[in-house]
Amino acid sequence: MPATLFISDLHLSGERPEISERFFEFLRTQASRAAALYVLGDLFEYWIGDDELDAAGGDPLARRVADALGELSRRGVGVAFMHGNRDFLVARRFCDASGARLLADPAVEKVAGVRTLLMHGDTLCTDDHDYQAWRSTARSHAWQQEFLAKPLAERRSTLQALRERSKEVVGAKPAEIMDVSDAAVLEALRLHGLTRLVHGHTHRPARHVLEVDGQRCERWVLPDWYERGGYLAVDETGPRLIGF
């Protein structure tokens, strides 16, 4: 049986064309042989609205990505997408163009016979209080409606300024604050009654084994694509992290 693949934190942008080309090659090769492809957030460096797909004023890379995922979907590979902290404004138009099923965060999916908890991972970083406050604001209907009402060029300028500010803030924070909280991980697994969690966001690919209420559980963290890149493959033999 073909494996199910998981990716996240590609942060695709025109500034890093080599990563975009690696992604398209991945879709043509490994992903084309998969049962399904799950994108668990931050596919894009940022997303300022589905009008990025417009021929006039939009981002040509956005259309290429949607078209490539759409081709994968038409070949029979199930495509699912979850919002990340950079592309939470992805909406119905992108999903229709790419053939992607939009997932809630968190989501529970049966993967190779195992009910699995899927998350982007940012909600697990509960020690980063400033980020959680910003996340709450940015995910509100009021903020999104106000932001999306602005012209595309103004939105792009605003997001660029936010990116620069974010780099400064992140650089000043201790690394452990930006990692997941052990308590939040335990709570998520306990709440859903599951023994396997897959997430991205932290850019620290690894397999973590833990115990929750006497049950052996595992947490798989997906790699980012800033340098090497890779994915998680899950089949009847279990999960395995694969780097490029």
Foldseek 3Di string as FASTA:
>chain_A
DFWEWEAEAQQDDPVCVVSLVVVLVCLVPNQLRHQAYEYAENPHVADQAPCLCPPPPHPPSLVVQLQSLLVSVVSNYAYEYEYDPHYNRDDDVSCVSNVYHYDYAFDWDQGQNFTETEHQFQVQLVLQPVVVVVVVVCPDPVNSVVSNVDDPVVSVVVVVVVVVVVVVVVVPDDLSSRHGDPVSVLVVCVVVVHQEYEHERSQPFDKDWDAHPNDIHIYGYAHHNPDWHWIWIQHNVGIDTDTD
